[in-house]
C-alpha atoms as a PDB file:
ATOM      1  CA  MET A   1     -17.793   2.386 -33.279  1.00  0.00           C
ATOM      2  CA  ASN A   2     -16.905   6.055 -32.800  1.00  0.00           C
ATOM      3  CA  ASP A   3     -13.144   6.479 -33.333  1.00  0.00           C
ATOM      4  CA  GLY A   4     -12.879   9.334 -30.838  1.00  0.00           C
ATOM      5  CA  LEU A   5     -14.604   7.308 -28.138  1.00  0.00           C
ATOM      6  CA  ALA A   6     -12.440   4.283 -28.882  1.00  0.00           C
ATOM      7  CA  ILE A   7      -9.255   6.346 -28.476  1.00  0.00           C
ATOM      8  CA  ALA A   8     -10.580   7.971 -25.289  1.00  0.00           C
ATOM      9  CA  VAL A   9     -11.248   4.512 -23.858  1.00  0.00           C
ATOM     10  CA  LEU A  10      -8.113   2.792 -25.146  1.00  0.00           C
ATOM     11  CA  GLU A  11      -5.478   5.246 -23.890  1.00  0.00           C
ATOM     12  CA  PRO A  12      -6.425   5.135 -20.178  1.00  0.00           C
ATOM     13  CA  ALA A  13      -7.045   1.383 -20.488  1.00  0.00           C
ATOM     14  CA  VAL A  14      -3.463   0.837 -21.683  1.00  0.00           C
ATOM     15  CA  LEU A  15      -2.149   3.112 -18.916  1.00  0.00           C
ATOM     16  CA  ILE A  16      -4.081   1.215 -16.238  1.00  0.00           C
ATOM     17  CA  GLY A  17      -2.965  -2.081 -17.747  1.00  0.00           C
ATOM     18  CA  ALA A  18       0.687  -1.000 -17.655  1.00  0.00           C
ATOM     19  CA  THR A  19       0.290   0.094 -14.018  1.00  0.00           C
ATOM     20  CA  TYR A  20      -1.233  -3.228 -12.996  1.00  0.00           C
ATOM     21  CA  ALA A  21       1.410  -5.110 -14.975  1.00  0.00           C
ATOM     22  CA  LEU A  22       4.256  -3.330 -13.173  1.00  0.00           C
ATOM     23  CA  LEU A  23       2.681  -3.947  -9.772  1.00  0.00           C
ATOM     24  CA  ALA A  24       2.006  -7.571 -10.692  1.00  0.00           C
ATOM     25  CA  VAL A  25       5.643  -8.047 -11.660  1.00  0.00           C
ATOM     26  CA  GLY A  26       6.577  -6.754  -8.195  1.00  0.00           C
ATOM     27  CA  TYR A  27       4.330  -9.385  -6.641  1.00  0.00           C
ATOM     28  CA  ALA A  28       5.827 -12.049  -8.893  1.00  0.00           C
ATOM     29  CA  VAL A  29       9.381 -11.039  -7.940  1.00  0.00           C
ATOM     30  CA  ALA A  30       8.559 -11.211  -4.215  1.00  0.00           C
ATOM     31  CA  TYR A  31       6.855 -14.565  -4.635  1.00  0.00           C
ATOM     32  CA  SER A  32       9.643 -16.027  -6.730  1.00  0.00           C
ATOM     33  CA  SER A  33      12.396 -14.875  -4.351  1.00  0.00           C
ATOM     34  CA  MET A  34      10.797 -15.506  -0.922  1.00  0.00           C
ATOM     35  CA  ASN A  35       7.632 -17.477  -1.729  1.00  0.00           C
ATOM     36  CA  ILE A  36       5.420 -14.822  -0.083  1.00  0.00           C
ATOM     37  CA  VAL A  37       2.792 -12.331  -1.197  1.00  0.00           C
ATOM     38  CA  ASN A  38       4.023  -8.810  -0.441  1.00  0.00           C
ATOM     39  CA  PHE A  39       0.764  -7.158   0.608  1.00  0.00           C
ATOM     40  CA  ALA A  40       2.586  -3.863   1.275  1.00  0.00           C
ATOM     41  CA  HIS A  41       3.363  -3.471  -2.434  1.00  0.00           C
ATOM     42  CA  GLY A  42       0.347  -1.232  -3.107  1.00  0.00           C
ATOM     43  CA  GLU A  43       1.443   1.099  -0.319  1.00  0.00           C
ATOM     44  CA  VAL A  44       4.930   1.305  -1.840  1.00  0.00           C
ATOM     45  CA  MET A  45       3.153   2.561  -4.952  1.00  0.00           C
ATOM     46  CA  MET A  46       1.319   5.142  -2.824  1.00  0.00           C
ATOM     47  CA  ALA A  47       4.556   6.280  -1.168  1.00  0.00           C
ATOM     48  CA  GLY A  48       6.121   6.894  -4.580  1.00  0.00           C
ATOM     49  CA  ALA A  49       3.065   8.924  -5.599  1.00  0.00           C
ATOM     50  CA  VAL A  50       3.329  11.047  -2.427  1.00  0.00           C
ATOM     51  CA  ALA A  51       7.009  11.724  -3.122  1.00  0.00           C
ATOM     52  CA  GLY A  52       6.190  12.735  -6.689  1.00  0.00           C
ATOM     53  CA  TYR A  53       3.413  15.034  -5.471  1.00  0.00           C
ATOM     54  CA  LEU A  54       5.706  16.739  -2.937  1.00  0.00           C
ATOM     55  CA  PHE A  55       8.223  17.411  -5.699  1.00  0.00           C
ATOM     56  CA  LEU A  56       5.606  18.788  -8.094  1.00  0.00           C
ATOM     57  CA  ASP A  57       4.255  21.036  -5.342  1.00  0.00           C
ATOM     58  CA  LEU A  58       7.600  22.774  -4.742  1.00  0.00           C
ATOM     59  CA  GLU A  59       7.432  26.482  -5.531  1.00  0.00           C
ATOM     60  CA  PHE A  60      10.304  26.569  -8.022  1.00  0.00           C
ATOM     61  CA  VAL A  61       8.914  23.486  -9.826  1.00  0.00           C
ATOM     62  CA  ARG A  62       5.441  25.021 -10.152  1.00  0.00           C
ATOM     63  CA  SER A  63       6.818  28.337 -11.344  1.00  0.00           C
ATOM     64  CA  SER A  64       9.863  27.496 -13.454  1.00  0.00           C
ATOM     65  CA  VAL A  65      10.127  23.857 -14.561  1.00  0.00           C
ATOM     66  CA  PRO A  66       8.267  22.851 -17.772  1.00  0.00           C
ATOM     67  CA  GLY A  67       5.360  20.553 -17.052  1.00  0.00           C
ATOM     68  CA  VAL A  68       6.555  17.467 -18.929  1.00  0.00           C
ATOM     69  CA  LEU A  69      10.080  17.676 -17.464  1.00  0.00           C
ATOM     70  CA  ALA A  70       8.667  18.136 -13.973  1.00  0.00           C
ATOM     71  CA  PHE A  71       6.375  15.134 -14.357  1.00  0.00           C
ATOM     72  CA  VAL A  72       9.130  12.863 -15.695  1.00  0.00           C
ATOM     73  CA  THR A  73      11.367  13.945 -12.799  1.00  0.00           C
ATOM     74  CA  ALA A  74       8.533  13.248 -10.354  1.00  0.00           C
ATOM     75  CA  ILE A  75       8.219   9.741 -11.797  1.00  0.00           C
ATOM     76  CA  ALA A  76      11.950   9.173 -11.252  1.00  0.00           C
ATOM     77  CA  ILE A  77      11.766  10.487  -7.672  1.00  0.00           C
ATOM     78  CA  GLY A  78       8.724   8.343  -6.940  1.00  0.00           C
ATOM     79  CA  GLY A  79      10.561   5.308  -8.264  1.00  0.00           C
ATOM     80  CA  LEU A  80      13.630   5.951  -6.114  1.00  0.00           C
ATOM     81  CA  VAL A  81      11.508   6.433  -2.992  1.00  0.00           C
ATOM     82  CA  GLY A  82       9.586   3.245  -3.776  1.00  0.00           C
ATOM     83  CA  ALA A  83      12.839   1.323  -4.226  1.00  0.00           C
ATOM     84  CA  GLY A  84      14.177   2.552  -0.892  1.00  0.00           C
ATOM     85  CA  ILE A  85      11.006   1.718   1.014  1.00  0.00           C
ATOM     86  CA  ALA A  86      10.658  -1.734  -0.576  1.00  0.00           C
ATOM     87  CA  PHE A  87      14.302  -2.503   0.252  1.00  0.00           C
ATOM     88  CA  LEU A  88      13.808  -1.410   3.881  1.00  0.00           C
ATOM     89  CA  ILE A  89      10.635  -3.484   4.247  1.00  0.00           C
ATOM     90  CA  GLN A  90      12.488  -6.553   3.011  1.00  0.00           C
ATOM     91  CA  ARG A  91      15.538  -5.870   5.171  1.00  0.00           C
ATOM     92  CA  VAL A  92      13.828  -4.850   8.415  1.00  0.00           C
ATOM     93  CA  LEU A  93      10.732  -7.073   8.344  1.00  0.00           C
ATOM     94  CA  TYR A  94      10.930  -9.945   5.898  1.00  0.00           C
ATOM     95  CA  ARG A  95      14.521 -11.092   6.282  1.00  0.00           C
ATOM     96  CA  PRO A  96      14.411 -11.558  10.099  1.00  0.00           C
ATOM     97  CA  LEU A  97      11.054 -13.368   9.825  1.00  0.00           C
ATOM     98  CA  ARG A  98      11.895 -15.508   6.828  1.00  0.00           C
ATOM     99  CA  ASP A  99      12.395 -18.684   8.878  1.00  0.00           C
ATOM    100  CA  ARG A 100       9.354 -18.186  11.113  1.00  0.00           C
ATOM    101  CA  GLY A 101       6.700 -19.300   8.669  1.00  0.00           C
ATOM    102  CA  ARG A 102       4.597 -17.713   5.959  1.00  0.00           C
ATOM    103  CA  LEU A 103       1.952 -16.413   8.384  1.00  0.00           C
ATOM    104  CA  ALA A 104       4.506 -14.211  10.162  1.00  0.00           C
ATOM    105  CA  LEU A 105       5.579 -12.747   6.806  1.00  0.00           C
ATOM    106  CA  VAL A 106       2.000 -12.039   5.733  1.00  0.00           C
ATOM    107  CA  LEU A 107       1.153 -10.368   9.067  1.00  0.00           C
ATOM    108  CA  SER A 108       4.300  -8.230   8.905  1.00  0.00           C
ATOM    109  CA  ALA A 109       3.358  -7.187   5.342  1.00  0.00           C
ATOM    110  CA  LEU A 110      -0.114  -6.144   6.503  1.00  0.00           C
ATOM    111  CA  GLY A 111       1.431  -4.213   9.385  1.00  0.00           C
ATOM    112  CA  ALA A 112       3.795  -2.425   7.005  1.00  0.00           C
ATOM    113  CA  SER A 113       0.831  -1.626   4.754  1.00  0.00           C
ATOM    114  CA  ILE A 114      -1.144   0.001   7.587  1.00  0.00           C
ATOM    115  CA  PHE A 115       1.944   1.895   8.774  1.00  0.00           C
ATOM    116  CA  LEU A 116       2.639   3.336   5.314  1.00  0.00           C
ATOM    117  CA  GLN A 117      -1.021   4.338   4.891  1.00  0.00           C
ATOM    118  CA  GLN A 118      -0.976   6.288   8.135  1.00  0.00           C
ATOM    119  CA  VAL A 119       2.350   7.948   7.356  1.00  0.00           C
ATOM    120  CA  GLY A 120       1.040   8.956   3.934  1.00  0.00           C
ATOM    121  CA  GLN A 121      -2.122  10.376   5.495  1.00  0.00           C
ATOM    122  CA  LEU A 122      -0.094  12.361   8.027  1.00  0.00           C
ATOM    123  CA  ILE A 123       2.195  13.811   5.346  1.00  0.00           C
ATOM    124  CA  LEU A 124      -0.684  14.844   3.098  1.00  0.00           C
ATOM    125  CA  ARG A 125      -2.650  16.440   5.930  1.00  0.00           C
ATOM    126  CA  LEU A 126       0.350  18.366   7.235  1.00  0.00           C
ATOM    127  CA  HIS A 127       1.354  19.497   3.749  1.00  0.00           C
ATOM    128  CA  GLY A 128      -1.462  21.810   2.726  1.00  0.00           C
ATOM    129  CA  THR A 129      -5.098  22.236   3.684  1.00  0.00           C
ATOM    130  CA  GLY A 130      -5.527  19.317   6.081  1.00  0.00           C
ATOM    131  CA  SER A 131      -7.222  17.102   3.501  1.00  0.00           C
ATOM    132  CA  SER A 132      -5.659  13.759   2.627  1.00  0.00           C
ATOM    133  CA  GLU A 133      -6.716  13.888  -1.047  1.00  0.00           C
ATOM    134  CA  ARG A 134      -4.647  15.611  -3.728  1.00  0.00           C
ATOM    135  CA  ARG A 135      -4.544  16.196  -7.452  1.00  0.00           C
ATOM    136  CA  LEU A 136      -1.187  16.151  -9.218  1.00  0.00           C
ATOM    137  CA  GLU A 137      -1.115  19.477 -11.049  1.00  0.00           C
ATOM    138  CA  ILE A 138       1.134  19.895 -14.085  1.00  0.00           C
ATOM    139  CA  ARG A 139       2.357  23.351 -15.045  1.00  0.00           C
ATOM    140  CA  ASP A 140       0.955  24.339 -18.439  1.00  0.00           C
ATOM    141  CA  ASP A 141       3.640  25.232 -20.965  1.00  0.00           C
ATOM    142  CA  SER A 142       2.188  27.445 -23.696  1.00  0.00           C
ATOM    143  CA  THR A 143       5.238  26.965 -25.927  1.00  0.00           C
ATOM    144  CA  VAL A 144       4.232  23.405 -26.862  1.00  0.00           C
ATOM    145  CA  GLY A 145       1.443  22.472 -29.232  1.00  0.00           C
ATOM    146  CA  ARG A 146      -0.438  20.054 -26.988  1.00  0.00           C
ATOM    147  CA  SER A 147      -1.249  20.700 -23.336  1.00  0.00           C
ATOM    148  CA  SER A 148       1.388  19.736 -20.812  1.00  0.00           C
ATOM    149  CA  ALA A 149      -1.112  17.472 -19.047  1.00  0.00           C
ATOM    150  CA  ALA A 150      -1.744  15.425 -22.198  1.00  0.00           C
ATOM    151  CA  MET A 151       1.956  15.236 -23.045  1.00  0.00           C
ATOM    152  CA  SER A 152       2.762  14.253 -19.451  1.00  0.00           C
ATOM    153  CA  GLU A 153       0.282  11.379 -19.591  1.00  0.00           C
ATOM    154  CA  MET A 154       1.811  10.200 -22.858  1.00  0.00           C
ATOM    155  CA  ALA A 155       5.333  10.445 -21.394  1.00  0.00           C
ATOM    156  CA  GLY A 156       4.196   8.520 -18.322  1.00  0.00           C
ATOM    157  CA  LEU A 157       2.668   5.779 -20.460  1.00  0.00           C
ATOM    158  CA  ILE A 158       5.846   5.473 -22.539  1.00  0.00           C
ATOM    159  CA  LEU A 159       7.967   5.251 -19.378  1.00  0.00           C
ATOM    160  CA  LEU A 160       5.736   2.565 -17.874  1.00  0.00           C
ATOM    161  CA  ILE A 161       5.848   0.397 -20.987  1.00  0.00           C
ATOM    162  CA  ALA A 162       9.619   0.893 -21.314  1.00  0.00           C
ATOM    163  CA  SER A 163      10.012  -0.099 -17.658  1.00  0.00           C
ATOM    164  CA  LEU A 164       8.054  -3.279 -18.301  1.00  0.00           C
ATOM    165  CA  PHE A 165      10.336  -4.305 -21.141  1.00  0.00           C
ATOM    166  CA  ALA A 166      13.428  -3.437 -19.094  1.00  0.00           C
ATOM    167  CA  LEU A 167      12.171  -5.401 -16.101  1.00  0.00           C
ATOM    168  CA  VAL A 168      11.374  -8.508 -18.125  1.00  0.00           C
ATOM    169  CA  TRP A 169      14.821  -8.290 -19.755  1.00  0.00           C
ATOM    170  CA  LEU A 170      16.481  -7.868 -16.326  1.00  0.00           C
ATOM    171  CA  VAL A 171      14.817 -10.955 -14.879  1.00  0.00           C
ATOM    172  CA  GLN A 172      15.108 -13.175 -17.945  1.00  0.00           C
ATOM    173  CA  LYS A 173      18.433 -12.251 -19.565  1.00  0.00           C
ATOM    174  CA  THR A 174      20.885 -11.056 -16.901  1.00  0.00           C
ATOM    175  CA  PRO A 175      22.989 -12.888 -14.272  1.00  0.00           C
ATOM    176  CA  PHE A 176      20.879 -11.169 -11.603  1.00  0.00           C
ATOM    177  CA  GLY A 177      17.710 -12.674 -13.049  1.00  0.00           C
ATOM    178  CA  ILE A 178      19.316 -16.113 -13.332  1.00  0.00           C
ATOM    179  CA  ARG A 179      20.322 -15.976  -9.654  1.00  0.00           C
ATOM    180  CA  LEU A 180      16.834 -14.835  -8.692  1.00  0.00           C
ATOM    181  CA  ARG A 181      15.177 -17.722 -10.499  1.00  0.00           C
ATOM    182  CA  ALA A 182      17.681 -20.165  -9.005  1.00  0.00           C
ATOM    183  CA  ILE A 183      16.934 -18.830  -5.523  1.00  0.00           C
ATOM    184  CA  ALA A 184      13.234 -19.377  -6.157  1.00  0.00           C
ATOM    185  CA  PHE A 185      13.956 -23.029  -6.967  1.00  0.00           C
ATOM    186  CA  SER A 186      16.359 -23.762  -4.095  1.00  0.00           C
ATOM    187  CA  PRO A 187      17.712 -20.973  -1.859  1.00  0.00           C
ATOM    188  CA  GLU A 188      19.629 -23.465   0.279  1.00  0.00           C
ATOM    189  CA  ALA A 189      21.497 -24.820  -2.735  1.00  0.00           C
ATOM    190  CA  MET A 190      22.422 -21.274  -3.755  1.00  0.00           C
ATOM    191  CA  ARG A 191      23.812 -20.614  -0.274  1.00  0.00           C
ATOM    192  CA  ARG A 192      25.904 -23.758  -0.487  1.00  0.00           C
ATOM    193  CA  LEU A 193      27.250 -22.469  -3.786  1.00  0.00           C
ATOM    194  CA  LYS A 194      28.297 -19.257  -1.990  1.00  0.00           C
ATOM    195  CA  GLN A 195      25.869 -17.120  -3.996  1.00  0.00           C
ATOM    196  CA  PRO A 196      24.677 -13.762  -2.506  1.00  0.00           C
ATOM    197  CA  VAL A 197      21.126 -14.889  -1.717  1.00  0.00           C
ATOM    198  CA  ASP A 198      20.209 -12.088   0.707  1.00  0.00           C
ATOM    199  CA  THR A 199      21.727  -9.392  -1.488  1.00  0.00           C
ATOM    200  CA  THR A 200      19.907 -10.687  -4.567  1.00  0.00           C
ATOM    201  CA  ILE A 201      16.574 -10.756  -2.730  1.00  0.00           C
ATOM    202  CA  GLY A 202      17.161  -7.227  -1.432  1.00  0.00           C
ATOM    203  CA  TRP A 203      17.871  -5.926  -4.937  1.00  0.00           C
ATOM    204  CA  ALA A 204      14.827  -7.783  -6.259  1.00  0.00           C
ATOM    205  CA  PHE A 205      12.571  -5.982  -3.791  1.00  0.00           C
ATOM    206  CA  ALA A 206      14.246  -2.676  -4.620  1.00  0.00           C
ATOM    207  CA  VAL A 207      13.618  -3.172  -8.345  1.00  0.00           C
ATOM    208  CA  GLY A 208       9.982  -4.058  -7.646  1.00  0.00           C
ATOM    209  CA  GLY A 209       9.632  -0.959  -5.464  1.00  0.00           C
ATOM    210  CA  LEU A 210      11.272   1.194  -8.139  1.00  0.00           C
ATOM    211  CA  VAL A 211       8.676   0.371 -10.772  1.00  0.00           C
ATOM    212  CA  ALA A 212       5.822   0.471  -8.225  1.00  0.00           C
ATOM    213  CA  GLY A 213       6.756   3.971  -7.052  1.00  0.00           C
ATOM    214  CA  ALA A 214       7.085   5.212 -10.625  1.00  0.00           C
ATOM    215  CA  ALA A 215       3.740   3.667 -11.558  1.00  0.00           C
ATOM    216  CA  GLY A 216       2.177   5.326  -8.516  1.00  0.00           C
ATOM    217  CA  VAL A 217       2.990   8.814  -9.807  1.00  0.00           C
ATOM    218  CA  VAL A 218       1.422   8.064 -13.188  1.00  0.00           C
ATOM    219  CA  TYR A 219      -1.627   6.450 -11.580  1.00  0.00           C
ATOM    220  CA  ALA A 220      -2.131   9.378  -9.191  1.00  0.00           C
ATOM    221  CA  LYS A 221      -1.941  11.807 -12.107  1.00  0.00           C
ATOM    222  CA  GLN A 222      -4.675   9.870 -13.891  1.00  0.00           C
ATOM    223  CA  TYR A 223      -6.896   9.608 -10.802  1.00  0.00           C
ATOM    224  CA  THR A 224      -6.490  11.046  -7.270  1.00  0.00           C
ATOM    225  CA  LEU A 225      -3.701  10.795  -4.718  1.00  0.00           C
ATOM    226  CA  THR A 226      -4.899   9.443  -1.358  1.00  0.00           C
ATOM    227  CA  PRO A 227      -3.206   7.437   1.423  1.00  0.00           C
ATOM    228  CA  TYR A 228      -5.304   4.429   0.410  1.00  0.00           C
ATOM    229  CA  MET A 229      -4.883   4.689  -3.356  1.00  0.00           C
ATOM    230  CA  GLY A 230      -2.623   1.618  -3.450  1.00  0.00           C
ATOM    231  CA  PHE A 231      -5.121  -0.824  -1.938  1.00  0.00           C
ATOM    232  CA  LEU A 232      -7.369  -1.589  -4.919  1.00  0.00           C
ATOM    233  CA  PRO A 233      -4.585  -1.445  -7.552  1.00  0.00           C
ATOM    234  CA  GLY A 234      -2.522  -3.684  -5.281  1.00  0.00           C
ATOM    235  CA  MET A 235      -5.307  -6.255  -5.012  1.00  0.00           C
ATOM    236  CA  LYS A 236      -5.929  -6.150  -8.754  1.00  0.00           C
ATOM    237  CA  ALA A 237      -2.224  -6.550  -9.447  1.00  0.00           C
ATOM    238  CA  PHE A 238      -2.270  -9.526  -7.076  1.00  0.00           C
ATOM    239  CA  LEU A 239      -5.047 -10.983  -9.216  1.00  0.00           C
ATOM    240  CA  ALA A 240      -2.937 -10.303 -12.315  1.00  0.00           C
ATOM    241  CA  CYS A 241      -0.050 -12.158 -10.684  1.00  0.00           C
ATOM    242  CA  ILE A 242      -2.349 -15.123  -9.995  1.00  0.00           C
ATOM    243  CA  VAL A 243      -3.734 -15.053 -13.531  1.00  0.00           C
ATOM    244  CA  GLY A 244      -0.168 -15.107 -14.812  1.00  0.00           C
ATOM    245  CA  GLY A 245       0.819 -18.105 -12.725  1.00  0.00           C
ATOM    246  CA  ARG A 246       3.188 -15.986 -10.589  1.00  0.00           C
ATOM    247  CA  SER A 247       5.680 -15.724 -13.454  1.00  0.00           C
ATOM    248  CA  ILE A 248       7.120 -12.476 -14.809  1.00  0.00           C
ATOM    249  CA  GLN A 249       5.701 -12.815 -18.320  1.00  0.00           C
ATOM    250  CA  GLY A 250       2.394 -14.058 -16.949  1.00  0.00           C
ATOM    251  CA  ALA A 251       2.167 -11.094 -14.571  1.00  0.00           C
ATOM    252  CA  VAL A 252       2.664  -8.684 -17.472  1.00  0.00           C
ATOM    253  CA  LEU A 253      -0.032 -10.401 -19.540  1.00  0.00           C
ATOM    254  CA  GLY A 254      -2.386 -10.609 -16.564  1.00  0.00           C
ATOM    255  CA  GLY A 255      -1.907  -6.934 -15.688  1.00  0.00           C
ATOM    256  CA  PHE A 256      -2.652  -5.766 -19.196  1.00  0.00           C
ATOM    257  CA  ALA A 257      -5.639  -8.125 -19.491  1.00  0.00           C
ATOM    258  CA  ILE A 258      -7.242  -6.823 -16.287  1.00  0.00           C
ATOM    259  CA  GLY A 259      -6.400  -3.175 -17.009  1.00  0.00           C
ATOM    260  CA  MET A 260      -7.755  -3.314 -20.542  1.00  0.00           C
ATOM    261  CA  THR A 261     -10.907  -5.071 -19.316  1.00  0.00           C
ATOM    262  CA  GLU A 262     -11.448  -2.375 -16.694  1.00  0.00           C
ATOM    263  CA  GLY A 263     -10.840   0.410 -19.195  1.00  0.00           C
ATOM    264  CA  ILE A 264     -13.324  -1.012 -21.672  1.00  0.00           C
ATOM    265  CA  LEU A 265     -15.926  -1.609 -18.951  1.00  0.00           C
ATOM    266  CA  SER A 266     -15.494   1.952 -17.645  1.00  0.00           C
ATOM    267  CA  GLY A 267     -15.780   3.459 -21.101  1.00  0.00           C
ATOM    268  CA  TYR A 268     -18.702   1.464 -22.467  1.00  0.00           C
ATOM    269  CA  VAL A 269     -20.593   0.068 -19.466  1.00  0.00           C
ATOM    270  CA  GLY A 270     -19.776   2.335 -16.542  1.00  0.00           C
ATOM    271  CA  ALA A 271     -17.119   2.700 -13.851  1.00  0.00           C
ATOM    272  CA  ASP A 272     -19.439   1.196 -11.229  1.00  0.00           C
ATOM    273  CA  TRP A 273     -19.068  -2.226 -12.853  1.00  0.00           C
ATOM    274  CA  ARG A 274     -15.282  -2.094 -12.976  1.00  0.00           C
ATOM    275  CA  ASP A 275     -14.496  -3.164  -9.416  1.00  0.00           C
ATOM    276  CA  ILE A 276     -17.464  -5.563  -9.279  1.00  0.00           C
ATOM    277  CA  VAL A 277     -16.163  -7.541 -12.241  1.00  0.00           C
ATOM    278  CA  THR A 278     -12.614  -7.503 -10.825  1.00  0.00           C
ATOM    279  CA  GLY A 279     -13.853  -8.844  -7.498  1.00  0.00           C
ATOM    280  CA  ILE A 280     -15.753 -11.645  -9.234  1.00  0.00           C
ATOM    281  CA  LEU A 281     -12.603 -12.530 -11.196  1.00  0.00           C
ATOM    282  CA  ILE A 282     -10.515 -12.691  -7.994  1.00  0.00           C
ATOM    283  CA  VAL A 283     -12.965 -15.094  -6.336  1.00  0.00           C
ATOM    284  CA  ALA A 284     -13.320 -17.214  -9.471  1.00  0.00           C
ATOM    285  CA  MET A 285      -9.564 -17.519  -9.989  1.00  0.00           C
ATOM    286  CA  LEU A 286      -8.940 -18.496  -6.356  1.00  0.00           C
ATOM    287  CA  LEU A 287     -11.699 -21.104  -6.531  1.00  0.00           C
ATOM    288  CA  TYR A 288     -11.054 -22.701  -9.906  1.00  0.00           C
ATOM    289  CA  ARG A 289      -7.502 -21.848 -10.995  1.00  0.00           C
ATOM    290  CA  PRO A 290      -5.460 -20.970  -7.884  1.00  0.00           C
ATOM    291  CA  ASP A 291      -2.222 -21.720  -9.769  1.00  0.00           C
ATOM    292  CA  GLY A 292      -3.111 -19.310 -12.580  1.00  0.00           C
ATOM    293  CA  LEU A 293      -3.815 -19.600 -16.269  1.00  0.00           C
ATOM    294  CA  PHE A 294      -0.103 -19.614 -17.110  1.00  0.00           C
ATOM    295  CA  ALA A 295       1.171 -21.542 -14.113  1.00  0.00           C
ATOM    296  CA  THR A 296       4.811 -22.581 -13.947  1.00  0.00           C
ATOM    297  CA  PRO A 297       5.881 -25.698 -12.050  1.00  0.00           C
ATOM    298  CA  ARG A 298       6.964 -25.069  -8.461  1.00  0.00           C
ATOM    299  CA  PRO A 299       9.640 -27.085  -6.634  1.00  0.00           C
ATOM    300  CA  ARG A 300       8.308 -29.922  -4.524  1.00  0.00           C
ATOM    301  CA  THR A 301       8.588 -29.873  -0.760  1.00  0.00           C
ATOM    302  CA  LEU A 302       9.849 -33.138   0.690  1.00  0.00           C
END
């Protein structure tokens, strides 16, 4: 195997895997806290990417800020925007509808998804040439050895992987994570114990939106920014969440497994097969292992 080709295939595969893993963790957090699938999660990723693009397109950023610093700042801004939007979606839509059945929650998530897509399209068309497709341009800094674009991608990959470790630690090792897992088991019992159920769920959505928005900036840099860029990654991250049994660790493993598979298929077989194989995996998992490969026991409903 050619070493250069292997590296060229492996690096984007790891980046895609980290992106899917972060999105899948967001799905797992929403499912564990409210027992719903947050279908607007991919659009939260897109919103973070749009915010990062708007920052990178500022005149003083393009002319004065070093490329790597600008890109890292754009990732942070995208994450903050994603956190704010995810928190608002939970507070405005999901919380009032929480007692009206799962169908109402799913329909409200789809409505939020369409709304965010149209807002993103409007912003991108008004900001520039009228097209809704953009490339995230990084200012080249001739004072560094490698190109700013390559260093920015490496910095983005490091940030994504660090975010994954931090997120798993937050959910598994902190009082916040313990409350979140207890709410997933019995929210009514937690209310009787005077625990801040609504506040914990709100923060959980904000954390999921934070990593989704940050991942969106990195993903848009690797590919293209469009109002609909979050749809396919969102569906694939949903598959990763299913593969992982809707647990945090399982979502991370599922995201990396699907991302690495896609990267290898794109590099050695062709990009046209990437989405075909992913679609087949989604159907197969729903048919034969709907609880996932690493399923965790769910509380029984009496």
